Amino acid sequence: MKYFIDTHDKTKGSFPKEQLTEQQFFDNFDALDKAADQFGAFGHAAHVSLKEGKAFCFMSGPDEDSIRKAHAAINFPYDSITEVRRVTGADMRIPLPAEAQKHKAR
């Protein structure tokens, strides 16, 4: 399973122009998660500013195409989909020798 962040921005046309309520956003995210299931993907969470009309969704799936198809299934545009690695704060705090850091960054 791979992890992805997808972005939405009202100024770029990828977030609804009208002011959404929290419930409307929750309904949209639930619809995305339901659609994602059809493609082997899952919506874990979203960070959203309803005031600014921006959202950053954290999803997982077999590939970027599964995330793209989930969005298309509910006609929800996005600006970008980026594959990311999940890293916890603990992973970032363990000091590594310089040579090990080079290999880990790959």
PDB file of N, CA and C in Angstrom:
ATOM      1  N   MET A   1       0.845  -1.175   0.000  1.00  0.00           N
ATOM      2  CA  MET A   1       0.000   0.000   0.000  1.00  0.00           C
ATOM      3  C   MET A   1       0.894   1.243   0.000  1.00  0.00           C
ATOM      4  N   LYS A   2       0.526   2.222  -0.795  1.00  0.00           N
ATOM      5  CA  LYS A   2       1.265   3.478  -0.880  1.00  0.00           C
ATOM      6  C   LYS A   2       0.407   4.602  -0.299  1.00  0.00           C
ATOM      7  N   TYR A   3       1.066   5.666   0.144  1.00  0.00           N
ATOM      8  CA  TYR A   3       0.373   6.816   0.730  1.00  0.00           C
ATOM      9  C   TYR A   3       0.458   8.012  -0.219  1.00  0.00           C
ATOM     10  N   PHE A   4      -0.598   8.833  -0.202  1.00  0.00           N
ATOM     11  CA  PHE A   4      -0.683   9.982  -1.096  1.00  0.00           C
ATOM     12  C   PHE A   4      -1.298  11.178  -0.374  1.00  0.00           C
ATOM     13  N   ILE A   5      -0.860  12.362  -0.769  1.00  0.00           N
ATOM     14  CA  ILE A   5      -1.494  13.616  -0.368  1.00  0.00           C
ATOM     15  C   ILE A   5      -2.060  14.220  -1.649  1.00  0.00           C
ATOM     16  N   ASP A   6      -3.352  14.536  -1.632  1.00  0.00           N
ATOM     17  CA  ASP A   6      -3.913  15.261  -2.764  1.00  0.00           C
ATOM     18  C   ASP A   6      -4.382  16.625  -2.274  1.00  0.00           C
ATOM     19  N   THR A   7      -4.266  17.612  -3.163  1.00  0.00           N
ATOM     20  CA  THR A   7      -4.539  18.988  -2.769  1.00  0.00           C
ATOM     21  C   THR A   7      -5.719  19.566  -3.541  1.00  0.00           C
ATOM     22  N   HIS A   8      -6.436  20.448  -2.868  1.00  0.00           N
ATOM     23  CA  HIS A   8      -7.598  21.135  -3.434  1.00  0.00           C
ATOM     24  C   HIS A   8      -7.521  22.594  -3.008  1.00  0.00           C
ATOM     25  N   ASP A   9      -7.829  23.502  -3.957  1.00  0.00           N
ATOM     26  CA  ASP A   9      -7.705  24.934  -3.682  1.00  0.00           C
ATOM     27  C   ASP A   9      -8.782  25.683  -4.462  1.00  0.00           C
ATOM     28  N   LYS A  10      -9.608  26.430  -3.747  1.00  0.00           N
ATOM     29  CA  LYS A  10     -10.697  27.178  -4.369  1.00  0.00           C
ATOM     30  C   LYS A  10     -10.180  28.144  -5.437  1.00  0.00           C
ATOM     31  N   THR A  11      -9.026  28.764  -5.205  1.00  0.00           N
ATOM     32  CA  THR A  11      -8.491  29.730  -6.164  1.00  0.00           C
ATOM     33  C   THR A  11      -8.056  29.067  -7.468  1.00  0.00           C
ATOM     34  N   LYS A  12      -7.894  27.756  -7.447  1.00  0.00           N
ATOM     35  CA  LYS A  12      -7.489  27.011  -8.645  1.00  0.00           C
ATOM     36  C   LYS A  12      -8.645  26.205  -9.232  1.00  0.00           C
ATOM     37  N   GLY A  13      -9.829  26.326  -8.631  1.00  0.00           N
ATOM     38  CA  GLY A  13     -11.006  25.624  -9.153  1.00  0.00           C
ATOM     39  C   GLY A  13     -11.146  24.184  -8.722  1.00  0.00           C
ATOM     40  N   SER A  14     -10.368  23.771  -7.727  1.00  0.00           N
ATOM     41  CA  SER A  14     -10.427  22.371  -7.290  1.00  0.00           C
ATOM     42  C   SER A  14     -11.084  22.203  -5.917  1.00  0.00           C
ATOM     43  N   PHE A  15     -11.748  23.244  -5.458  1.00  0.00           N
ATOM     44  CA  PHE A  15     -12.496  23.218  -4.203  1.00  0.00           C
ATOM     45  C   PHE A  15     -13.774  24.008  -4.481  1.00  0.00           C
ATOM     46  N   PRO A  16     -14.920  23.598  -3.958  1.00  0.00           N
ATOM     47  CA  PRO A  16     -16.166  24.316  -4.253  1.00  0.00           C
ATOM     48  C   PRO A  16     -16.049  25.819  -3.990  1.00  0.00           C
ATOM     49  N   LYS A  17     -16.618  26.609  -4.887  1.00  0.00           N
ATOM     50  CA  LYS A  17     -16.545  28.070  -4.762  1.00  0.00           C
ATOM     51  C   LYS A  17     -17.388  28.598  -3.614  1.00  0.00           C
ATOM     52  N   GLU A  18     -18.534  27.936  -3.367  1.00  0.00           N
ATOM     53  CA  GLU A  18     -19.395  28.388  -2.277  1.00  0.00           C
ATOM     54  C   GLU A  18     -18.784  27.978  -0.930  1.00  0.00           C
ATOM     55  N   GLN A  19     -19.081  28.733   0.091  1.00  0.00           N
ATOM     56  CA  GLN A  19     -18.602  28.423   1.434  1.00  0.00           C
ATOM     57  C   GLN A  19     -19.259  27.129   1.917  1.00  0.00           C
ATOM     58  N   LEU A  20     -18.468  26.122   2.234  1.00  0.00           N
ATOM     59  CA  LEU A  20     -18.994  24.849   2.717  1.00  0.00           C
ATOM     60  C   LEU A  20     -19.139  24.873   4.232  1.00  0.00           C
ATOM     61  N   THR A  21     -20.134  24.175   4.716  1.00  0.00           N
ATOM     62  CA  THR A  21     -20.222  23.930   6.154  1.00  0.00           C
ATOM     63  C   THR A  21     -19.338  22.726   6.466  1.00  0.00           C
ATOM     64  N   GLU A  22     -19.069  22.534   7.744  1.00  0.00           N
ATOM     65  CA  GLU A  22     -18.302  21.333   8.124  1.00  0.00           C
ATOM     66  C   GLU A  22     -19.028  20.076   7.669  1.00  0.00           C
ATOM     67  N   GLN A  23     -20.335  20.029   7.855  1.00  0.00           N
ATOM     68  CA  GLN A  23     -21.093  18.838   7.476  1.00  0.00           C
ATOM     69  C   GLN A  23     -21.002  18.577   5.972  1.00  0.00           C
ATOM     70  N   GLN A  24     -21.061  19.634   5.165  1.00  0.00           N
ATOM     71  CA  GLN A  24     -20.936  19.450   3.724  1.00  0.00           C
ATOM     72  C   GLN A  24     -19.563  18.899   3.362  1.00  0.00           C
ATOM     73  N   PHE A  25     -18.524  19.400   4.036  1.00  0.00           N
ATOM     74  CA  PHE A  25     -17.187  18.867   3.774  1.00  0.00           C
ATOM     75  C   PHE A  25     -17.107  17.407   4.193  1.00  0.00           C
ATOM     76  N   PHE A  26     -17.635  17.088   5.378  1.00  0.00           N
ATOM     77  CA  PHE A  26     -17.626  15.697   5.835  1.00  0.00           C
ATOM     78  C   PHE A  26     -18.346  14.801   4.838  1.00  0.00           C
ATOM     79  N   ASP A  27     -19.469  15.263   4.311  1.00  0.00           N
ATOM     80  CA  ASP A  27     -20.230  14.480   3.329  1.00  0.00           C
ATOM     81  C   ASP A  27     -19.406  14.249   2.064  1.00  0.00           C
ATOM     82  N   ASN A  28     -18.698  15.291   1.606  1.00  0.00           N
ATOM     83  CA  ASN A  28     -17.844  15.145   0.416  1.00  0.00           C
ATOM     84  C   ASN A  28     -16.709  14.162   0.677  1.00  0.00           C
ATOM     85  N   PHE A  29     -16.085  14.279   1.854  1.00  0.00           N
ATOM     86  CA  PHE A  29     -14.975  13.375   2.171  1.00  0.00           C
ATOM     87  C   PHE A  29     -15.474  11.939   2.314  1.00  0.00           C
ATOM     88  N   ASP A  30     -16.650  11.755   2.910  1.00  0.00           N
ATOM     89  CA  ASP A  30     -17.230  10.408   3.013  1.00  0.00           C
ATOM     90  C   ASP A  30     -17.514   9.831   1.633  1.00  0.00           C
ATOM     91  N   ALA A  31     -18.006  10.664   0.715  1.00  0.00           N
ATOM     92  CA  ALA A  31     -18.274  10.209  -0.654  1.00  0.00           C
ATOM     93  C   ALA A  31     -16.968   9.813  -1.348  1.00  0.00           C
ATOM     94  N   LEU A  32     -15.907  10.590  -1.125  1.00  0.00           N
ATOM     95  CA  LEU A  32     -14.602  10.259  -1.698  1.00  0.00           C
ATOM     96  C   LEU A  32     -14.107   8.929  -1.147  1.00  0.00           C
ATOM     97  N   ASP A  33     -14.230   8.741   0.155  1.00  0.00           N
ATOM     98  CA  ASP A  33     -13.783   7.494   0.777  1.00  0.00           C
ATOM     99  C   ASP A  33     -14.579   6.300   0.248  1.00  0.00           C
ATOM    100  N   LYS A  34     -15.875   6.470   0.077  1.00  0.00           N
ATOM    101  CA  LYS A  34     -16.710   5.390  -0.455  1.00  0.00           C
ATOM    102  C   LYS A  34     -16.303   5.060  -1.891  1.00  0.00           C
ATOM    103  N   ALA A  35     -16.068   6.087  -2.698  1.00  0.00           N
ATOM    104  CA  ALA A  35     -15.624   5.864  -4.079  1.00  0.00           C
ATOM    105  C   ALA A  35     -14.246   5.204  -4.095  1.00  0.00           C
ATOM    106  N   ALA A  36     -13.369   5.625  -3.192  1.00  0.00           N
ATOM    107  CA  ALA A  36     -12.015   5.075  -3.139  1.00  0.00           C
ATOM    108  C   ALA A  36     -12.030   3.569  -2.928  1.00  0.00           C
ATOM    109  N   ASP A  37     -12.964   3.094  -2.146  1.00  0.00           N
ATOM    110  CA  ASP A  37     -13.064   1.664  -1.855  1.00  0.00           C
ATOM    111  C   ASP A  37     -13.208   0.837  -3.134  1.00  0.00           C
ATOM    112  N   GLN A  38     -13.873   1.392  -4.132  1.00  0.00           N
ATOM    113  CA  GLN A  38     -14.052   0.690  -5.412  1.00  0.00           C
ATOM    114  C   GLN A  38     -12.725   0.450  -6.128  1.00  0.00           C
ATOM    115  N   PHE A  39     -11.718   1.248  -5.790  1.00  0.00           N
ATOM    116  CA  PHE A  39     -10.430   1.179  -6.474  1.00  0.00           C
ATOM    117  C   PHE A  39      -9.303   0.700  -5.557  1.00  0.00           C
ATOM    118  N   GLY A  40      -9.682   0.126  -4.420  1.00  0.00           N
ATOM    119  CA  GLY A  40      -8.687  -0.397  -3.482  1.00  0.00           C
ATOM    120  C   GLY A  40      -7.968   0.687  -2.706  1.00  0.00           C
ATOM    121  N   ALA A  41      -8.569   1.870  -2.614  1.00  0.00           N
ATOM    122  CA  ALA A  41      -7.941   2.992  -1.915  1.00  0.00           C
ATOM    123  C   ALA A  41      -8.747   3.328  -0.663  1.00  0.00           C
ATOM    124  N   PHE A  42      -8.194   4.230   0.154  1.00  0.00           N
ATOM    125  CA  PHE A  42      -8.834   4.575   1.425  1.00  0.00           C
ATOM    126  C   PHE A  42      -8.493   6.018   1.789  1.00  0.00           C
ATOM    127  N   GLY A  43      -9.488   6.781   2.244  1.00  0.00           N
ATOM    128  CA  GLY A  43      -9.264   8.144   2.727  1.00  0.00           C
ATOM    129  C   GLY A  43      -9.015   8.126   4.220  1.00  0.00           C
ATOM    130  N   HIS A  44      -7.795   8.414   4.628  1.00  0.00           N
ATOM    131  CA  HIS A  44      -7.444   8.373   6.049  1.00  0.00           C
ATOM    132  C   HIS A  44      -7.878   9.634   6.787  1.00  0.00           C
ATOM    133  N   ALA A  45      -7.591  10.788   6.176  1.00  0.00           N
ATOM    134  CA  ALA A  45      -7.838  12.048   6.874  1.00  0.00           C
ATOM    135  C   ALA A  45      -7.765  13.203   5.886  1.00  0.00           C
ATOM    136  N   ALA A  46      -8.225  14.348   6.336  1.00  0.00           N
ATOM    137  CA  ALA A  46      -8.083  15.572   5.547  1.00  0.00           C
ATOM    138  C   ALA A  46      -7.765  16.716   6.488  1.00  0.00           C
ATOM    139  N   HIS A  47      -6.928  17.599   6.034  1.00  0.00           N
ATOM    140  CA  HIS A  47      -6.662  18.859   6.727  1.00  0.00           C
ATOM    141  C   HIS A  47      -7.308  19.917   5.848  1.00  0.00           C
ATOM    142  N   VAL A  48      -8.199  20.700   6.427  1.00  0.00           N
ATOM    143  CA  VAL A  48      -8.997  21.604   5.612  1.00  0.00           C
ATOM    144  C   VAL A  48      -9.112  22.979   6.268  1.00  0.00           C
ATOM    145  N   SER A  49      -9.161  23.998   5.422  1.00  0.00           N
ATOM    146  CA  SER A  49      -9.531  25.348   5.856  1.00  0.00           C
ATOM    147  C   SER A  49     -10.767  25.713   5.042  1.00  0.00           C
ATOM    148  N   LEU A  50     -11.923  25.615   5.667  1.00  0.00           N
ATOM    149  CA  LEU A  50     -13.158  25.968   4.960  1.00  0.00           C
ATOM    150  C   LEU A  50     -13.155  27.455   4.607  1.00  0.00           C
ATOM    151  N   LYS A  51     -12.603  28.269   5.475  1.00  0.00           N
ATOM    152  CA  LYS A  51     -12.540  29.708   5.232  1.00  0.00           C
ATOM    153  C   LYS A  51     -11.706  30.021   3.989  1.00  0.00           C
ATOM    154  N   GLU A  52     -10.564  29.360   3.850  1.00  0.00           N
ATOM    155  CA  GLU A  52      -9.670  29.594   2.712  1.00  0.00           C
ATOM    156  C   GLU A  52     -10.060  28.769   1.480  1.00  0.00           C
ATOM    157  N   GLY A  53     -10.880  27.733   1.680  1.00  0.00           N
ATOM    158  CA  GLY A  53     -11.249  26.869   0.558  1.00  0.00           C
ATOM    159  C   GLY A  53     -10.089  26.011   0.089  1.00  0.00           C
ATOM    160  N   LYS A  54      -9.407  25.403   1.053  1.00  0.00           N
ATOM    161  CA  LYS A  54      -8.256  24.539   0.740  1.00  0.00           C
ATOM    162  C   LYS A  54      -8.364  23.251   1.539  1.00  0.00           C
ATOM    163  N   ALA A  55      -7.933  22.164   0.913  1.00  0.00           N
ATOM    164  CA  ALA A  55      -7.907  20.877   1.614  1.00  0.00           C
ATOM    165  C   ALA A  55      -6.701  20.065   1.170  1.00  0.00           C
ATOM    166  N   PHE A  56      -6.180  19.304   2.113  1.00  0.00           N
ATOM    167  CA  PHE A  56      -5.078  18.389   1.879  1.00  0.00           C
ATOM    168  C   PHE A  56      -5.546  17.036   2.390  1.00  0.00           C
ATOM    169  N   CYS A  57      -5.756  16.104   1.489  1.00  0.00           N
ATOM    170  CA  CYS A  57      -6.301  14.794   1.864  1.00  0.00           C
ATOM    171  C   CYS A  57      -5.184  13.764   1.921  1.00  0.00           C
ATOM    172  N   PHE A  58      -5.199  12.962   2.962  1.00  0.00           N
ATOM    173  CA  PHE A  58      -4.222  11.884   3.148  1.00  0.00           C
ATOM    174  C   PHE A  58      -4.932  10.583   2.812  1.00  0.00           C
ATOM    175  N   MET A  59      -4.450   9.917   1.752  1.00  0.00           N
ATOM    176  CA  MET A  59      -5.101   8.697   1.279  1.00  0.00           C
ATOM    177  C   MET A  59      -4.059   7.613   1.055  1.00  0.00           C
ATOM    178  N   SER A  60      -4.535   6.384   0.955  1.00  0.00           N
ATOM    179  CA  SER A  60      -3.654   5.282   0.585  1.00  0.00           C
ATOM    180  C   SER A  60      -4.328   4.469  -0.505  1.00  0.00           C
ATOM    181  N   GLY A  61      -3.500   3.794  -1.274  1.00  0.00           N
ATOM    182  CA  GLY A  61      -4.010   2.954  -2.343  1.00  0.00           C
ATOM    183  C   GLY A  61      -2.869   2.252  -3.036  1.00  0.00           C
ATOM    184  N   PRO A  62      -3.198   1.369  -3.969  1.00  0.00           N
ATOM    185  CA  PRO A  62      -2.151   0.616  -4.651  1.00  0.00           C
ATOM    186  C   PRO A  62      -1.276   1.485  -5.555  1.00  0.00           C
ATOM    187  N   ASP A  63      -1.852   2.600  -6.069  1.00  0.00           N
ATOM    188  CA  ASP A  63      -1.098   3.478  -6.961  1.00  0.00           C
ATOM    189  C   ASP A  63      -1.823   4.820  -7.090  1.00  0.00           C
ATOM    190  N   GLU A  64      -1.161   5.764  -7.731  1.00  0.00           N
ATOM    191  CA  GLU A  64      -1.741   7.098  -7.911  1.00  0.00           C
ATOM    192  C   GLU A  64      -3.038   7.034  -8.708  1.00  0.00           C
ATOM    193  N   ASP A  65      -3.109   6.125  -9.658  1.00  0.00           N
ATOM    194  CA  ASP A  65      -4.301   5.996 -10.486  1.00  0.00           C
ATOM    195  C   ASP A  65      -5.544   5.679  -9.653  1.00  0.00           C
ATOM    196  N   SER A  66      -5.391   4.895  -8.600  1.00  0.00           N
ATOM    197  CA  SER A  66      -6.545   4.576  -7.745  1.00  0.00           C
ATOM    198  C   SER A  66      -7.076   5.831  -7.054  1.00  0.00           C
ATOM    199  N   ILE A  67      -6.196   6.735  -6.677  1.00  0.00           N
ATOM    200  CA  ILE A  67      -6.599   7.990  -6.038  1.00  0.00           C
ATOM    201  C   ILE A  67      -7.278   8.890  -7.073  1.00  0.00           C
ATOM    202  N   ARG A  68      -6.696   8.942  -8.259  1.00  0.00           N
ATOM    203  CA  ARG A  68      -7.267   9.735  -9.351  1.00  0.00           C
ATOM    204  C   ARG A  68      -8.671   9.252  -9.699  1.00  0.00           C
ATOM    205  N   LYS A  69      -8.848   7.947  -9.809  1.00  0.00           N
ATOM    206  CA  LYS A  69     -10.153   7.377 -10.166  1.00  0.00           C
ATOM    207  C   LYS A  69     -11.201   7.643  -9.080  1.00  0.00           C
ATOM    208  N   ALA A  70     -10.796   7.610  -7.816  1.00  0.00           N
ATOM    209  CA  ALA A  70     -11.737   7.894  -6.722  1.00  0.00           C
ATOM    210  C   ALA A  70     -12.258   9.324  -6.840  1.00  0.00           C
ATOM    211  N   HIS A  71     -11.382  10.262  -7.121  1.00  0.00           N
ATOM    212  CA  HIS A  71     -11.793  11.652  -7.293  1.00  0.00           C
ATOM    213  C   HIS A  71     -12.719  11.799  -8.508  1.00  0.00           C
ATOM    214  N   ALA A  72     -12.358  11.148  -9.602  1.00  0.00           N
ATOM    215  CA  ALA A  72     -13.167  11.238 -10.824  1.00  0.00           C
ATOM    216  C   ALA A  72     -14.562  10.653 -10.604  1.00  0.00           C
ATOM    217  N   ALA A  73     -14.651   9.606  -9.795  1.00  0.00           N
ATOM    218  CA  ALA A  73     -15.937   8.932  -9.565  1.00  0.00           C
ATOM    219  C   ALA A  73     -16.964   9.853  -8.916  1.00  0.00           C
ATOM    220  N   ILE A  74     -16.492  10.832  -8.146  1.00  0.00           N
ATOM    221  CA  ILE A  74     -17.441  11.773  -7.514  1.00  0.00           C
ATOM    222  C   ILE A  74     -17.300  13.182  -8.094  1.00  0.00           C
ATOM    223  N   ASN A  75     -16.598  13.275  -9.232  1.00  0.00           N
ATOM    224  CA  ASN A  75     -16.417  14.557  -9.914  1.00  0.00           C
ATOM    225  C   ASN A  75     -15.817  15.606  -8.979  1.00  0.00           C
ATOM    226  N   PHE A  76     -14.752  15.222  -8.280  1.00  0.00           N
ATOM    227  CA  PHE A  76     -14.073  16.102  -7.328  1.00  0.00           C
ATOM    228  C   PHE A  76     -12.668  16.398  -7.860  1.00  0.00           C
ATOM    229  N   PRO A  77     -12.460  17.564  -8.461  1.00  0.00           N
ATOM    230  CA  PRO A  77     -11.147  17.882  -9.027  1.00  0.00           C
ATOM    231  C   PRO A  77     -10.087  18.042  -7.938  1.00  0.00           C
ATOM    232  N   TYR A  78      -8.837  17.987  -8.348  1.00  0.00           N
ATOM    233  CA  TYR A  78      -7.704  18.149  -7.433  1.00  0.00           C
ATOM    234  C   TYR A  78      -6.616  18.908  -8.179  1.00  0.00           C
ATOM    235  N   ASP A  79      -5.702  19.479  -7.443  1.00  0.00           N
ATOM    236  CA  ASP A  79      -4.565  20.172  -8.061  1.00  0.00           C
ATOM    237  C   ASP A  79      -3.403  19.222  -8.283  1.00  0.00           C
ATOM    238  N   SER A  80      -3.147  18.407  -7.286  1.00  0.00           N
ATOM    239  CA  SER A  80      -2.022  17.479  -7.391  1.00  0.00           C
ATOM    240  C   SER A  80      -2.278  16.258  -6.522  1.00  0.00           C
ATOM    241  N   ILE A  81      -1.630  15.180  -6.915  1.00  0.00           N
ATOM    242  CA  ILE A  81      -1.592  13.960  -6.110  1.00  0.00           C
ATOM    243  C   ILE A  81      -0.114  13.601  -6.002  1.00  0.00           C
ATOM    244  N   THR A  82       0.364  13.506  -4.779  1.00  0.00           N
ATOM    245  CA  THR A  82       1.786  13.248  -4.552  1.00  0.00           C
ATOM    246  C   THR A  82       1.948  12.014  -3.680  1.00  0.00           C
ATOM    247  N   GLU A  83       2.745  11.059  -4.145  1.00  0.00           N
ATOM    248  CA  GLU A  83       3.051   9.907  -3.308  1.00  0.00           C
ATOM    249  C   GLU A  83       4.006  10.366  -2.210  1.00  0.00           C
ATOM    250  N   VAL A  84       3.704   9.978  -0.985  1.00  0.00           N
ATOM    251  CA  VAL A  84       4.522  10.369   0.167  1.00  0.00           C
ATOM    252  C   VAL A  84       4.855   9.132   0.999  1.00  0.00           C
ATOM    253  N   ARG A  85       5.890   9.259   1.799  1.00  0.00           N
ATOM    254  CA  ARG A  85       6.222   8.220   2.768  1.00  0.00           C
ATOM    255  C   ARG A  85       5.723   8.686   4.113  1.00  0.00           C
ATOM    256  N   ARG A  86       5.171   7.786   4.859  1.00  0.00           N
ATOM    257  CA  ARG A  86       4.692   8.122   6.193  1.00  0.00           C
ATOM    258  C   ARG A  86       5.865   8.044   7.155  1.00  0.00           C
ATOM    259  N   VAL A  87       6.110   9.145   7.834  1.00  0.00           N
ATOM    260  CA  VAL A  87       7.219   9.245   8.775  1.00  0.00           C
ATOM    261  C   VAL A  87       6.659   9.797  10.073  1.00  0.00           C
ATOM    262  N   THR A  88       7.037   9.195  11.164  1.00  0.00           N
ATOM    263  CA  THR A  88       6.599   9.705  12.460  1.00  0.00           C
ATOM    264  C   THR A  88       7.687  10.592  13.054  1.00  0.00           C
ATOM    265  N   GLY A  89       7.324  11.345  14.054  1.00  0.00           N
ATOM    266  CA  GLY A  89       8.302  12.185  14.725  1.00  0.00           C
ATOM    267  C   GLY A  89       9.460  11.392  15.291  1.00  0.00           C
ATOM    268  N   ALA A  90       9.176  10.183  15.739  1.00  0.00           N
ATOM    269  CA  ALA A  90      10.239   9.341  16.294  1.00  0.00           C
ATOM    270  C   ALA A  90      11.270   8.992  15.229  1.00  0.00           C
ATOM    271  N   ASP A  91      10.821   8.768  13.992  1.00  0.00           N
ATOM    272  CA  ASP A  91      11.743   8.436  12.911  1.00  0.00           C
ATOM    273  C   ASP A  91      12.706   9.586  12.637  1.00  0.00           C
ATOM    274  N   MET A  92      12.207  10.806  12.807  1.00  0.00           N
ATOM    275  CA  MET A  92      13.017  11.976  12.499  1.00  0.00           C
ATOM    276  C   MET A  92      13.984  12.319  13.628  1.00  0.00           C
ATOM    277  N   ARG A  93      13.777  11.787  14.813  1.00  0.00           N
ATOM    278  CA  ARG A  93      14.590  12.172  15.972  1.00  0.00           C
ATOM    279  C   ARG A  93      15.784  11.259  16.221  1.00  0.00           C
ATOM    280  N   ILE A  94      15.815  10.112  15.609  1.00  0.00           N
ATOM    281  CA  ILE A  94      16.922   9.182  15.841  1.00  0.00           C
ATOM    282  C   ILE A  94      18.116   9.640  15.003  1.00  0.00           C
ATOM    283  N   PRO A  95      19.199  10.074  15.639  1.00  0.00           N
ATOM    284  CA  PRO A  95      20.354  10.532  14.863  1.00  0.00           C
ATOM    285  C   PRO A  95      21.011   9.359  14.139  1.00  0.00           C
ATOM    286  N   LEU A  96      21.322   9.586  12.882  1.00  0.00           N
ATOM    287  CA  LEU A  96      21.979   8.570  12.078  1.00  0.00           C
ATOM    288  C   LEU A  96      23.325   9.100  11.598  1.00  0.00           C
ATOM    289  N   PRO A  97      24.304   8.213  11.435  1.00  0.00           N
ATOM    290  CA  PRO A  97      25.562   8.655  10.832  1.00  0.00           C
ATOM    291  C   PRO A  97      25.284   9.198   9.428  1.00  0.00           C
ATOM    292  N   ALA A  98      26.104  10.094   8.960  1.00  0.00           N
ATOM    293  CA  ALA A  98      25.911  10.764   7.664  1.00  0.00           C
ATOM    294  C   ALA A  98      25.718   9.752   6.523  1.00  0.00           C
ATOM    295  N   GLU A  99      26.484   8.688   6.493  1.00  0.00           N
ATOM    296  CA  GLU A  99      26.384   7.691   5.411  1.00  0.00           C
ATOM    297  C   GLU A  99      25.024   6.988   5.443  1.00  0.00           C
ATOM    298  N   ALA A 100      24.529   6.665   6.606  1.00  0.00           N
ATOM    299  CA  ALA A 100      23.213   6.008   6.726  1.00  0.00           C
ATOM    300  C   ALA A 100      22.112   6.958   6.292  1.00  0.00           C
ATOM    301  N   GLN A 101      22.246   8.239   6.559  1.00  0.00           N
ATOM    302  CA  GLN A 101      21.228   9.209   6.150  1.00  0.00           C
ATOM    303  C   GLN A 101      21.131   9.291   4.640  1.00  0.00           C
ATOM    304  N   LYS A 102      22.263   9.175   3.938  1.00  0.00           N
ATOM    305  CA  LYS A 102      22.248   9.204   2.475  1.00  0.00           C
ATOM    306  C   LYS A 102      21.439   8.043   1.922  1.00  0.00           C
ATOM    307  N   HIS A 103      21.609   6.849   2.495  1.00  0.00           N
ATOM    308  CA  HIS A 103      20.904   5.663   2.019  1.00  0.00           C
ATOM    309  C   HIS A 103      19.431   5.717   2.372  1.00  0.00           C
ATOM    310  N   LYS A 104      19.090   6.251   3.542  1.00  0.00           N
ATOM    311  CA  LYS A 104      17.699   6.312   3.985  1.00  0.00           C
ATOM    312  C   LYS A 104      16.884   7.301   3.158  1.00  0.00           C
ATOM    313  N   ALA A 105      17.514   8.347   2.659  1.00  0.00           N
ATOM    314  CA  ALA A 105      16.817   9.382   1.900  1.00  0.00           C
ATOM    315  C   ALA A 105      16.350   8.875   0.529  1.00  0.00           C
ATOM    316  N   ARG A 106      16.888   7.782   0.080  1.00  0.00           N
ATOM    317  CA  ARG A 106      16.536   7.279  -1.259  1.00  0.00           C
ATOM    318  C   ARG A 106      15.203   6.708  -1.278  1.00  0.00           C
TER     319      ARG A 106
END
